[in-house]
């Protein structure tokens, strides 16, 4: 696996990208503070990944994208979703 942190493109910056065999993973990480809604953060992350077209480019193989939300008060990931083109899986 080959990880890259804060990958810059003309449209934005993804948090983490990993090449693993014939797959290219893109992870967008969000932090939800004590009074922040994790589902709202998740929706913001999904919109960001789609709008900025994270991971689209010169990568061979299958593109897999996911958004994960970490809760500061619970100290764990509380929400996550795969992002596939125009639809969320």
C-alpha atoms as a PDB file:
ATOM      1  CA  UNK A   1       0.000   0.000   0.000  1.00  0.00           C
ATOM      2  CA  UNK A   2       1.123   3.504  -0.779  1.00  0.00           C
ATOM      3  CA  UNK A   3      -0.594   6.192   1.373  1.00  0.00           C
ATOM      4  CA  UNK A   4      -0.644   9.906   0.535  1.00  0.00           C
ATOM      5  CA  UNK A   5      -1.843  12.530   3.023  1.00  0.00           C
ATOM      6  CA  UNK A   6      -3.539  15.800   2.002  1.00  0.00           C
ATOM      7  CA  UNK A   7      -3.481  15.168  -1.743  1.00  0.00           C
ATOM      8  CA  UNK A   8      -3.812  18.479  -3.603  1.00  0.00           C
ATOM      9  CA  UNK A   9      -5.665  18.920  -6.879  1.00  0.00           C
ATOM     10  CA  UNK A  10      -6.941  21.930  -8.798  1.00  0.00           C
ATOM     11  CA  UNK A  11     -10.324  21.600  -7.067  1.00  0.00           C
ATOM     12  CA  UNK A  12      -9.312  20.891  -3.479  1.00  0.00           C
ATOM     13  CA  UNK A  13      -7.421  18.658  -1.093  1.00  0.00           C
ATOM     14  CA  UNK A  14      -8.429  15.154  -0.023  1.00  0.00           C
ATOM     15  CA  UNK A  15      -7.359  13.999   3.436  1.00  0.00           C
ATOM     16  CA  UNK A  16      -5.972  10.548   2.659  1.00  0.00           C
ATOM     17  CA  UNK A  17      -5.477   8.496  -0.506  1.00  0.00           C
ATOM     18  CA  UNK A  18      -4.148   4.943  -0.585  1.00  0.00           C
ATOM     19  CA  UNK A  19      -3.144   2.770  -3.527  1.00  0.00           C
ATOM     20  CA  UNK A  20      -3.742  -0.860  -2.606  1.00  0.00           C
ATOM     21  CA  UNK A  21      -3.195  -3.291  -5.436  1.00  0.00           C
ATOM     22  CA  UNK A  22      -5.623  -2.449  -8.233  1.00  0.00           C
ATOM     23  CA  UNK A  23      -7.703  -0.148  -5.998  1.00  0.00           C
ATOM     24  CA  UNK A  24      -7.326   3.562  -5.282  1.00  0.00           C
ATOM     25  CA  UNK A  25      -8.964   4.553  -1.959  1.00  0.00           C
ATOM     26  CA  UNK A  26      -9.865   8.153  -1.072  1.00  0.00           C
ATOM     27  CA  UNK A  27     -10.827   8.975   2.519  1.00  0.00           C
ATOM     28  CA  UNK A  28     -12.338  12.283   3.595  1.00  0.00           C
ATOM     29  CA  UNK A  29     -12.189  12.670   7.381  1.00  0.00           C
ATOM     30  CA  UNK A  30     -14.464  14.992   9.350  1.00  0.00           C
ATOM     31  CA  UNK A  31     -14.383  15.936  13.040  1.00  0.00           C
ATOM     32  CA  UNK A  32     -17.601  16.496  15.001  1.00  0.00           C
ATOM     33  CA  UNK A  33     -17.129  18.545  18.136  1.00  0.00           C
ATOM     34  CA  UNK A  34     -19.326  18.252  21.226  1.00  0.00           C
ATOM     35  CA  UNK A  35     -22.310  20.178  19.876  1.00  0.00           C
ATOM     36  CA  UNK A  36     -21.929  19.286  16.199  1.00  0.00           C
ATOM     37  CA  UNK A  37     -24.216  16.924  14.304  1.00  0.00           C
ATOM     38  CA  UNK A  38     -22.259  13.963  12.908  1.00  0.00           C
ATOM     39  CA  UNK A  39     -24.850  13.329  10.165  1.00  0.00           C
ATOM     40  CA  UNK A  40     -24.510  16.933   8.998  1.00  0.00           C
ATOM     41  CA  UNK A  41     -20.714  16.548   8.937  1.00  0.00           C
ATOM     42  CA  UNK A  42     -21.139  13.323   6.945  1.00  0.00           C
ATOM     43  CA  UNK A  43     -23.354  15.080   4.383  1.00  0.00           C
ATOM     44  CA  UNK A  44     -20.824  17.930   4.101  1.00  0.00           C
ATOM     45  CA  UNK A  45     -18.027  15.439   3.481  1.00  0.00           C
ATOM     46  CA  UNK A  46     -19.990  13.588   0.802  1.00  0.00           C
ATOM     47  CA  UNK A  47     -20.755  16.848  -0.981  1.00  0.00           C
ATOM     48  CA  UNK A  48     -17.086  17.866  -0.759  1.00  0.00           C
ATOM     49  CA  UNK A  49     -15.862  14.560  -2.248  1.00  0.00           C
ATOM     50  CA  UNK A  50     -18.324  14.780  -5.139  1.00  0.00           C
ATOM     51  CA  UNK A  51     -17.915  18.503  -5.845  1.00  0.00           C
ATOM     52  CA  UNK A  52     -14.115  18.367  -5.797  1.00  0.00           C
ATOM     53  CA  UNK A  53     -14.004  15.019  -7.635  1.00  0.00           C
ATOM     54  CA  UNK A  54     -11.465  13.567  -5.201  1.00  0.00           C
ATOM     55  CA  UNK A  55      -9.505  10.646  -6.599  1.00  0.00           C
ATOM     56  CA  UNK A  56     -10.507  11.182 -10.187  1.00  0.00           C
ATOM     57  CA  UNK A  57      -7.420  11.383 -12.320  1.00  0.00           C
ATOM     58  CA  UNK A  58      -4.520   9.328 -13.472  1.00  0.00           C
ATOM     59  CA  UNK A  59      -5.027   6.378 -11.143  1.00  0.00           C
ATOM     60  CA  UNK A  60      -5.343   2.906 -12.572  1.00  0.00           C
ATOM     61  CA  UNK A  61      -7.777   0.401 -11.177  1.00  0.00           C
ATOM     62  CA  UNK A  62     -10.975   0.851  -9.237  1.00  0.00           C
ATOM     63  CA  UNK A  63     -11.714   4.128  -7.431  1.00  0.00           C
ATOM     64  CA  UNK A  64     -13.237   3.727  -3.954  1.00  0.00           C
ATOM     65  CA  UNK A  65     -14.163   6.777  -1.875  1.00  0.00           C
ATOM     66  CA  UNK A  66     -15.426   7.065   1.700  1.00  0.00           C
ATOM     67  CA  UNK A  67     -16.258   9.778   4.214  1.00  0.00           C
ATOM     68  CA  UNK A  68     -15.714   9.108   7.937  1.00  0.00           C
ATOM     69  CA  UNK A  69     -16.798  11.298  10.873  1.00  0.00           C
ATOM     70  CA  UNK A  70     -14.886  11.192  14.161  1.00  0.00           C
ATOM     71  CA  UNK A  71     -16.679  12.313  17.320  1.00  0.00           C
ATOM     72  CA  UNK A  72     -14.541  14.311  19.716  1.00  0.00           C
ATOM     73  CA  UNK A  73     -16.792  13.565  22.669  1.00  0.00           C
ATOM     74  CA  UNK A  74     -17.112   9.817  21.966  1.00  0.00           C
ATOM     75  CA  UNK A  75     -13.491   9.464  20.772  1.00  0.00           C
ATOM     76  CA  UNK A  76     -14.442   7.154  17.892  1.00  0.00           C
ATOM     77  CA  UNK A  77     -15.734   7.157  14.330  1.00  0.00           C
ATOM     78  CA  UNK A  78     -19.519   7.518  14.588  1.00  0.00           C
ATOM     79  CA  UNK A  79     -20.582   7.807  10.944  1.00  0.00           C
ATOM     80  CA  UNK A  80     -19.235   6.705   7.577  1.00  0.00           C
ATOM     81  CA  UNK A  81     -20.468   6.220   4.041  1.00  0.00           C
ATOM     82  CA  UNK A  82     -19.068   5.077   0.706  1.00  0.00           C
ATOM     83  CA  UNK A  83     -19.316   7.650  -2.086  1.00  0.00           C
ATOM     84  CA  UNK A  84     -19.907   6.330  -5.582  1.00  0.00           C
ATOM     85  CA  UNK A  85     -20.196   8.903  -8.362  1.00  0.00           C
ATOM     86  CA  UNK A  86     -23.594  10.584  -8.073  1.00  0.00           C
ATOM     87  CA  UNK A  87     -24.977   8.137  -5.492  1.00  0.00           C
ATOM     88  CA  UNK A  88     -23.980   7.134  -1.995  1.00  0.00           C
ATOM     89  CA  UNK A  89     -23.779   3.464  -1.133  1.00  0.00           C
END
